[in-house]
Amino acid sequence: MGIFGGQLANVVEWNEYRDDLLFWKWDNDEIKKGSKLIIRQGQDAIFMYNGKVEGIFRDEGSYDIESQIVPFLSTLKSFKFGFNTPMRAEVLFVNTKEVPLKWGTKNAINLPAPGLPGGMPIRAFGTYNCYVADDLVLIEKIAGIKKQFSVDEVKERVTSMLNQLLMKWITKEGKDMFNLQANAYDISKGICEDLDMEMQKIGIGITDFTIASISYPEEVQKMQTKAAAQSMVGDMNRYQQMGMVDAMTKGGRGSGVASDMMQMQMGMAMGQQMASQMNQMNQNSANGGVQPSGGSGVNFCPNCGTKVSGAKFCPNCGTKLC
């Protein structure tokens, strides 16, 4: 700041830059001779005169308004009084950075679901980014009546549309109502496109919309846990068989608890097989070595010793074998 022509020069800048604001109006009424414009990284400076945009400056740095800024303004470059008198103009500083935000459903959303007359109540949470996509649209729709525009106002607008968009895209892309997280990418992509299209109407863009989690009622979560447990029990026999085969292919070599379990399973299977064979032998002994169906069950004739292969009479001596 310095003295020029007896007037105090002023600095036009967003000196209290905040990430939670998308634009802020410089609130001094007059720009004096010798004034400087300071544009920081991530900012645009928009000069307005009588409600009309005169020029947009995007490069960061410090500029002399009289010699470097005014000559490029459509109306003010021919300002007939020069800077002998203070110039009344507005400067709108725009935040050009993408701002990350969180979103979440305020209340549970009841989604249509088979067998549930009242629908499936769910809650969802995630993140997205917003940014100023069109300076001129933002000025036309918002800046004309506001001194500043915050990200909280963006969140309010997005939240007001989220329930309807979640209903739309979950119904369209949610292949499994009880496992919506599996289709979260397609659902998020559809919501992001719709949100961006709506918010572009006020000059705001939406990017990187993601669904971090989808939660169900406690009763549904318990049912899912129970179903998973039942599925594990149903697959236990197959798991044991695969474990036995794996142990055998490794020559019975294993380590720790897993190896002990495989050896125990193999031992049990061999024991069951041996017990079954012994039961069969006992039954044959109880029947005098004769099988109950067809043939004698005798391999050699007790009279002459001729091999009879289960015949009812000896082919050599004719002795009845059963």
Protein backbone atom coordinates (compact mmCIF):
# COMPACT_ATOMS: atom_id res chain seq x y z
CA MET A 1 0.00 0.00 0.00
CA GLY A 2 1.23 3.51 -0.79
CA ILE A 3 0.25 7.17 -1.31
CA PHE A 4 -0.54 8.42 -4.83
CA GLY A 5 -2.01 11.82 -5.69
CA GLY A 6 -2.98 12.46 -2.11
CA GLN A 7 -5.19 9.35 -1.95
CA LEU A 8 -4.54 6.14 -0.07
CA ALA A 9 -4.08 3.28 -2.55
CA ASN A 10 -5.87 0.05 -1.67
CA VAL A 11 -5.33 -3.63 -2.32
CA VAL A 12 -8.03 -5.71 -3.95
CA GLU A 13 -7.57 -9.25 -2.71
CA TRP A 14 -9.25 -12.22 -1.03
CA ASN A 15 -7.13 -11.81 2.04
CA GLU A 16 -9.02 -14.29 4.20
CA TYR A 17 -9.23 -17.16 1.74
CA ARG A 18 -11.35 -20.07 3.01
CA ASP A 19 -11.71 -23.55 1.54
CA ASP A 20 -15.37 -23.66 2.58
CA LEU A 21 -16.31 -20.82 0.18
CA LEU A 22 -16.71 -21.14 -3.59
CA PHE A 23 -16.79 -17.38 -4.19
CA TRP A 24 -16.48 -14.15 -2.24
CA LYS A 25 -17.15 -10.52 -3.23
CA TRP A 26 -14.60 -7.86 -2.46
CA ASP A 27 -16.62 -5.59 -0.16
CA ASN A 28 -14.95 -2.16 -0.60
CA ASP A 29 -17.02 0.36 -2.54
CA GLU A 30 -14.20 2.17 -4.34
CA ILE A 31 -11.04 1.27 -6.25
CA LYS A 32 -8.55 4.15 -6.02
CA LYS A 33 -5.57 5.21 -8.10
CA GLY A 34 -2.52 3.09 -7.34
CA SER A 35 -4.61 0.08 -6.33
CA LYS A 36 -3.22 -3.40 -6.70
CA LEU A 37 -5.03 -6.62 -7.56
CA ILE A 38 -3.62 -9.76 -5.93
CA ILE A 39 -4.72 -13.15 -7.28
CA ARG A 40 -3.55 -16.20 -5.37
CA GLN A 41 -3.20 -19.79 -6.57
CA GLY A 42 -6.59 -21.46 -6.97
CA GLN A 43 -8.45 -18.16 -7.52
CA ASP A 44 -10.05 -16.25 -10.37
CA ALA A 45 -10.82 -12.51 -10.13
CA ILE A 46 -13.90 -11.25 -11.96
CA PHE A 47 -14.42 -7.48 -12.40
CA MET A 48 -18.05 -6.35 -12.52
CA TYR A 49 -19.42 -2.88 -13.21
CA ASN A 50 -23.09 -1.98 -12.86
CA GLY A 51 -23.90 -5.70 -12.54
CA LYS A 52 -22.13 -6.60 -15.78
CA VAL A 53 -19.00 -8.75 -16.09
CA GLU A 54 -16.15 -6.59 -17.45
CA GLY A 55 -13.28 -9.06 -17.34
CA ILE A 56 -12.05 -12.34 -15.84
CA PHE A 57 -8.44 -12.72 -14.67
CA ARG A 58 -7.12 -16.21 -13.92
CA ASP A 59 -3.32 -15.95 -13.57
CA GLU A 60 -1.96 -15.62 -10.06
CA GLY A 61 0.19 -12.63 -9.21
CA SER A 62 0.11 -8.95 -8.27
CA TYR A 63 -1.22 -6.45 -10.85
CA ASP A 64 -1.48 -2.67 -11.04
CA ILE A 65 -5.15 -2.01 -11.68
CA GLU A 66 -4.66 1.24 -13.61
CA SER A 67 -1.96 0.01 -16.02
CA GLN A 68 -2.47 -3.77 -16.16
CA ILE A 69 -6.14 -4.43 -15.47
CA VAL A 70 -8.32 -1.53 -16.64
CA PRO A 71 -6.93 -1.46 -20.23
CA PHE A 72 -8.36 -4.95 -20.71
CA LEU A 73 -11.82 -4.22 -19.35
CA SER A 74 -14.52 -3.74 -21.97
CA THR A 75 -16.15 -0.64 -20.44
CA LEU A 76 -13.75 0.70 -17.84
CA LYS A 77 -10.84 1.12 -20.26
CA SER A 78 -12.59 4.23 -21.56
CA PHE A 79 -13.51 5.42 -18.08
CA LYS A 80 -13.75 9.15 -18.87
CA PHE A 81 -12.65 10.37 -15.46
CA GLY A 82 -9.60 8.11 -15.38
CA PHE A 83 -8.63 7.62 -11.76
CA ASN A 84 -8.96 11.23 -10.72
CA THR A 85 -12.00 10.05 -8.81
CA PRO A 86 -12.39 6.63 -7.18
CA MET A 87 -13.92 3.95 -9.41
CA ARG A 88 -16.88 2.02 -8.10
CA ALA A 89 -16.68 -1.60 -9.20
CA GLU A 90 -17.17 -5.07 -7.76
CA VAL A 91 -14.54 -7.79 -7.78
CA LEU A 92 -15.71 -11.36 -7.35
CA PHE A 93 -13.07 -13.87 -6.25
CA VAL A 94 -13.81 -17.46 -7.26
CA ASN A 95 -12.31 -20.58 -5.68
CA THR A 96 -11.20 -22.76 -8.61
CA LYS A 97 -10.09 -25.77 -6.56
CA GLU A 98 -12.06 -29.00 -6.27
CA VAL A 99 -13.52 -29.28 -2.78
CA PRO A 100 -14.00 -32.77 -1.25
CA LEU A 101 -17.27 -33.26 0.61
CA LYS A 102 -19.01 -36.03 2.51
CA TRP A 103 -22.63 -37.07 2.01
CA GLY A 104 -25.07 -39.30 3.83
CA THR A 105 -28.78 -40.06 3.94
CA LYS A 106 -30.52 -38.15 6.72
CA ASN A 107 -33.25 -40.77 7.04
CA ALA A 108 -33.55 -44.37 5.88
CA ILE A 109 -34.69 -44.82 2.26
CA ASN A 110 -37.36 -47.47 1.69
CA LEU A 111 -36.47 -49.33 -1.49
CA PRO A 112 -38.97 -51.65 -3.21
CA ALA A 113 -38.04 -55.26 -2.38
CA PRO A 114 -39.79 -58.62 -3.08
CA GLY A 115 -41.66 -59.95 -0.06
CA LEU A 116 -41.34 -56.69 1.88
CA PRO A 117 -44.58 -54.66 1.61
CA GLY A 118 -43.02 -51.62 3.28
CA GLY A 119 -39.81 -51.84 1.26
CA MET A 120 -36.21 -52.32 2.36
CA PRO A 121 -34.99 -49.42 4.56
CA ILE A 122 -31.33 -48.60 3.90
CA ARG A 123 -28.84 -45.87 4.71
CA ALA A 124 -25.85 -44.90 2.60
CA PHE A 125 -22.72 -42.77 3.02
CA GLY A 126 -19.89 -41.61 0.80
CA THR A 127 -17.92 -38.70 -0.70
CA TYR A 128 -17.86 -36.45 -3.76
CA ASN A 129 -16.03 -33.39 -5.10
CA CYS A 130 -17.51 -30.06 -6.22
CA TYR A 131 -15.96 -27.16 -8.11
CA VAL A 132 -16.93 -23.98 -9.96
CA ALA A 133 -17.45 -25.19 -13.53
CA ASP A 134 -18.76 -21.98 -15.13
CA ASP A 135 -17.99 -18.53 -13.68
CA LEU A 136 -20.59 -16.71 -15.75
CA VAL A 137 -23.45 -19.09 -14.93
CA LEU A 138 -22.53 -18.91 -11.25
CA ILE A 139 -22.65 -15.10 -11.37
CA GLU A 140 -25.96 -15.09 -13.21
CA LYS A 141 -27.70 -17.59 -10.93
CA ILE A 142 -26.04 -17.01 -7.54
CA ALA A 143 -23.57 -14.14 -7.24
CA GLY A 144 -26.05 -11.47 -8.27
CA ILE A 145 -27.90 -11.84 -4.98
CA LYS A 146 -25.19 -13.16 -2.63
CA LYS A 147 -21.93 -11.82 -1.28
CA GLN A 148 -20.54 -15.33 -0.87
CA PHE A 149 -21.47 -18.92 -1.69
CA SER A 150 -20.36 -21.73 0.62
CA VAL A 151 -19.85 -25.46 0.12
CA ASP A 152 -22.53 -26.01 2.78
CA GLU A 153 -25.04 -24.52 0.36
CA VAL A 154 -23.83 -26.97 -2.29
CA LYS A 155 -24.28 -29.83 0.19
CA GLU A 156 -27.85 -28.72 0.90
CA ARG A 157 -28.71 -28.75 -2.79
CA VAL A 158 -27.07 -32.15 -3.33
CA THR A 159 -28.75 -33.67 -0.27
CA SER A 160 -32.16 -32.51 -1.46
CA MET A 161 -31.70 -34.62 -4.63
CA LEU A 162 -29.90 -37.65 -3.20
CA ASN A 163 -32.83 -39.73 -1.96
CA GLN A 164 -34.57 -39.63 -5.30
CA LEU A 165 -31.37 -40.43 -7.20
CA LEU A 166 -30.47 -43.30 -4.87
CA MET A 167 -33.94 -44.78 -5.44
CA LYS A 168 -33.55 -44.40 -9.20
CA TRP A 169 -30.08 -45.90 -9.59
CA ILE A 170 -30.35 -48.65 -6.98
CA THR A 171 -33.54 -49.82 -8.65
CA LYS A 172 -31.77 -49.71 -12.02
CA GLU A 173 -28.33 -51.11 -11.14
CA GLY A 174 -28.87 -52.99 -7.87
CA LYS A 175 -28.82 -56.60 -9.08
CA ASP A 176 -29.04 -58.01 -5.54
CA MET A 177 -31.10 -56.02 -3.04
CA PHE A 178 -29.27 -57.70 -0.16
CA ASN A 179 -25.79 -56.99 -1.56
CA LEU A 180 -25.96 -53.51 -3.07
CA GLN A 181 -22.31 -52.85 -2.29
CA ALA A 182 -21.40 -55.21 -5.13
CA ASN A 183 -23.02 -52.78 -7.58
CA ALA A 184 -21.88 -49.60 -5.81
CA TYR A 185 -19.64 -48.49 -8.70
CA ASP A 186 -22.43 -48.49 -11.31
CA ILE A 187 -24.88 -46.87 -8.88
CA SER A 188 -22.33 -44.15 -7.99
CA LYS A 189 -21.55 -43.44 -11.64
CA GLY A 190 -25.23 -42.91 -12.49
CA ILE A 191 -25.82 -40.64 -9.49
CA CYS A 192 -22.70 -38.58 -10.28
CA GLU A 193 -23.83 -37.94 -13.85
CA ASP A 194 -27.32 -36.86 -12.77
CA LEU A 195 -26.03 -34.64 -9.95
CA ASP A 196 -23.48 -32.97 -12.21
CA MET A 197 -26.14 -32.27 -14.84
CA GLU A 198 -28.42 -30.62 -12.28
CA MET A 199 -25.71 -28.60 -10.51
CA GLN A 200 -24.27 -27.34 -13.81
CA LYS A 201 -27.44 -25.24 -14.03
CA ILE A 202 -25.94 -22.97 -11.36
CA GLY A 203 -22.34 -23.29 -12.59
CA ILE A 204 -21.21 -26.01 -10.16
CA GLY A 205 -19.67 -29.33 -11.26
CA ILE A 206 -19.78 -32.64 -9.37
CA THR A 207 -17.03 -35.27 -9.73
CA ASP A 208 -15.85 -38.50 -8.09
CA PHE A 209 -19.13 -39.43 -6.41
CA THR A 210 -18.56 -42.63 -4.43
CA ILE A 211 -20.61 -44.86 -2.13
CA ALA A 212 -18.46 -45.86 0.83
CA SER A 213 -21.05 -48.04 2.59
CA ILE A 214 -24.66 -49.19 2.48
CA SER A 215 -26.23 -50.32 5.75
CA TYR A 216 -29.30 -52.48 6.30
CA PRO A 217 -31.62 -52.86 9.31
CA GLU A 218 -30.20 -54.95 12.16
CA GLU A 219 -32.66 -57.79 11.47
CA VAL A 220 -31.50 -58.08 7.87
CA GLN A 221 -27.85 -58.08 8.93
CA LYS A 222 -28.54 -60.95 11.36
CA MET A 223 -30.26 -62.90 8.58
CA GLN A 224 -27.25 -62.37 6.31
CA THR A 225 -24.88 -63.61 9.04
CA LYS A 226 -27.03 -66.69 9.65
CA ALA A 227 -27.25 -67.47 5.92
CA ALA A 228 -23.47 -67.18 5.61
CA ALA A 229 -22.98 -69.56 8.56
CA GLN A 230 -25.38 -72.11 7.06
CA SER A 231 -23.55 -71.90 3.74
CA MET A 232 -20.26 -72.61 5.48
CA VAL A 233 -21.71 -75.68 7.23
CA GLY A 234 -23.12 -76.96 3.93
CA ASP A 235 -19.69 -76.71 2.33
CA MET A 236 -17.83 -78.34 5.23
CA ASN A 237 -17.83 -81.87 3.76
CA ARG A 238 -16.42 -80.62 0.49
CA TYR A 239 -13.83 -78.58 2.38
CA GLN A 240 -12.71 -81.65 4.33
CA GLN A 241 -12.45 -83.77 1.17
CA MET A 242 -10.35 -81.13 -0.56
CA GLY A 243 -8.12 -80.90 2.49
CA MET A 244 -7.57 -84.66 2.53
CA VAL A 245 -6.64 -84.71 -1.18
CA ASP A 246 -4.27 -81.80 -0.67
CA ALA A 247 -2.61 -83.57 2.26
CA MET A 248 -2.19 -86.77 0.27
CA THR A 249 -0.66 -84.96 -2.73
CA LYS A 250 1.94 -83.53 -0.38
CA GLY A 251 2.87 -87.01 0.85
CA GLY A 252 1.22 -86.45 4.17
CA ARG A 253 3.54 -83.55 4.95
CA GLY A 254 1.94 -80.60 6.65
CA SER A 255 2.43 -78.20 9.45
CA GLY A 256 0.64 -77.29 12.62
CA VAL A 257 -3.08 -77.57 13.19
CA ALA A 258 -3.99 -77.82 9.50
CA SER A 259 -1.79 -80.91 9.02
CA ASP A 260 -3.14 -82.56 12.19
CA MET A 261 -6.72 -81.98 11.03
CA MET A 262 -6.04 -83.53 7.63
CA GLN A 263 -4.38 -86.57 9.21
CA MET A 264 -7.28 -86.97 11.62
CA GLN A 265 -9.80 -86.81 8.75
CA MET A 266 -7.82 -89.43 6.78
CA GLY A 267 -7.64 -91.68 9.82
CA MET A 268 -11.39 -91.40 10.42
CA ALA A 269 -12.13 -92.24 6.78
CA MET A 270 -9.83 -95.29 6.87
CA GLY A 271 -11.37 -96.44 10.14
CA GLN A 272 -14.87 -96.17 8.71
CA GLN A 273 -13.82 -98.21 5.66
CA MET A 274 -12.21 -100.92 7.81
CA ALA A 275 -15.28 -101.08 10.06
CA SER A 276 -17.52 -101.52 7.03
CA GLN A 277 -15.38 -104.40 5.73
CA MET A 278 -15.36 -106.12 9.11
CA ASN A 279 -19.15 -105.87 9.35
CA GLN A 280 -19.45 -107.53 5.95
CA MET A 281 -17.13 -110.34 6.99
CA ASN A 282 -19.08 -110.91 10.22
CA GLN A 283 -22.33 -111.14 8.28
CA ASN A 284 -20.81 -113.75 5.95
CA SER A 285 -19.56 -115.77 8.90
CA ALA A 286 -22.98 -115.69 10.55
CA ASN A 287 -24.46 -117.15 7.34
CA GLY A 288 -21.95 -120.03 7.30
CA GLY A 289 -19.93 -118.42 4.56
CA VAL A 290 -23.00 -118.43 2.27
CA GLN A 291 -24.17 -115.21 0.64
CA PRO A 292 -27.94 -114.66 0.90
CA SER A 293 -28.47 -114.01 -2.81
CA GLY A 294 -27.46 -116.36 -5.68
CA GLY A 295 -24.69 -119.03 -5.59
CA SER A 296 -23.23 -121.00 -2.71
CA GLY A 297 -20.57 -118.56 -1.75
CA VAL A 298 -18.14 -121.60 -1.54
CA ASN A 299 -14.99 -121.54 -3.71
CA PHE A 300 -13.79 -125.21 -3.25
CA CYS A 301 -15.67 -128.53 -2.82
CA PRO A 302 -15.29 -129.83 0.78
CA ASN A 303 -15.42 -133.47 -0.51
CA CYS A 304 -12.88 -133.52 -3.36
CA GLY A 305 -11.33 -130.05 -3.24
CA THR A 306 -12.32 -129.10 -6.77
CA LYS A 307 -12.68 -125.33 -7.45
CA VAL A 308 -16.41 -124.68 -7.74
CA SER A 309 -16.55 -120.83 -8.02
CA GLY A 310 -19.79 -120.50 -6.00
CA ALA A 311 -21.74 -123.31 -7.79
CA LYS A 312 -24.52 -125.17 -5.92
CA PHE A 313 -23.10 -128.65 -6.82
CA CYS A 314 -19.48 -129.82 -7.27
CA PRO A 315 -18.84 -130.40 -11.01
CA ASN A 316 -16.40 -133.25 -10.17
CA CYS A 317 -18.14 -135.36 -7.50
CA GLY A 318 -21.64 -133.89 -7.52
CA THR A 319 -21.59 -133.02 -3.82
CA LYS A 320 -24.32 -130.51 -2.89
CA LEU A 321 -22.64 -127.35 -1.72
CA CYS A 322 -25.60 -125.41 -0.24
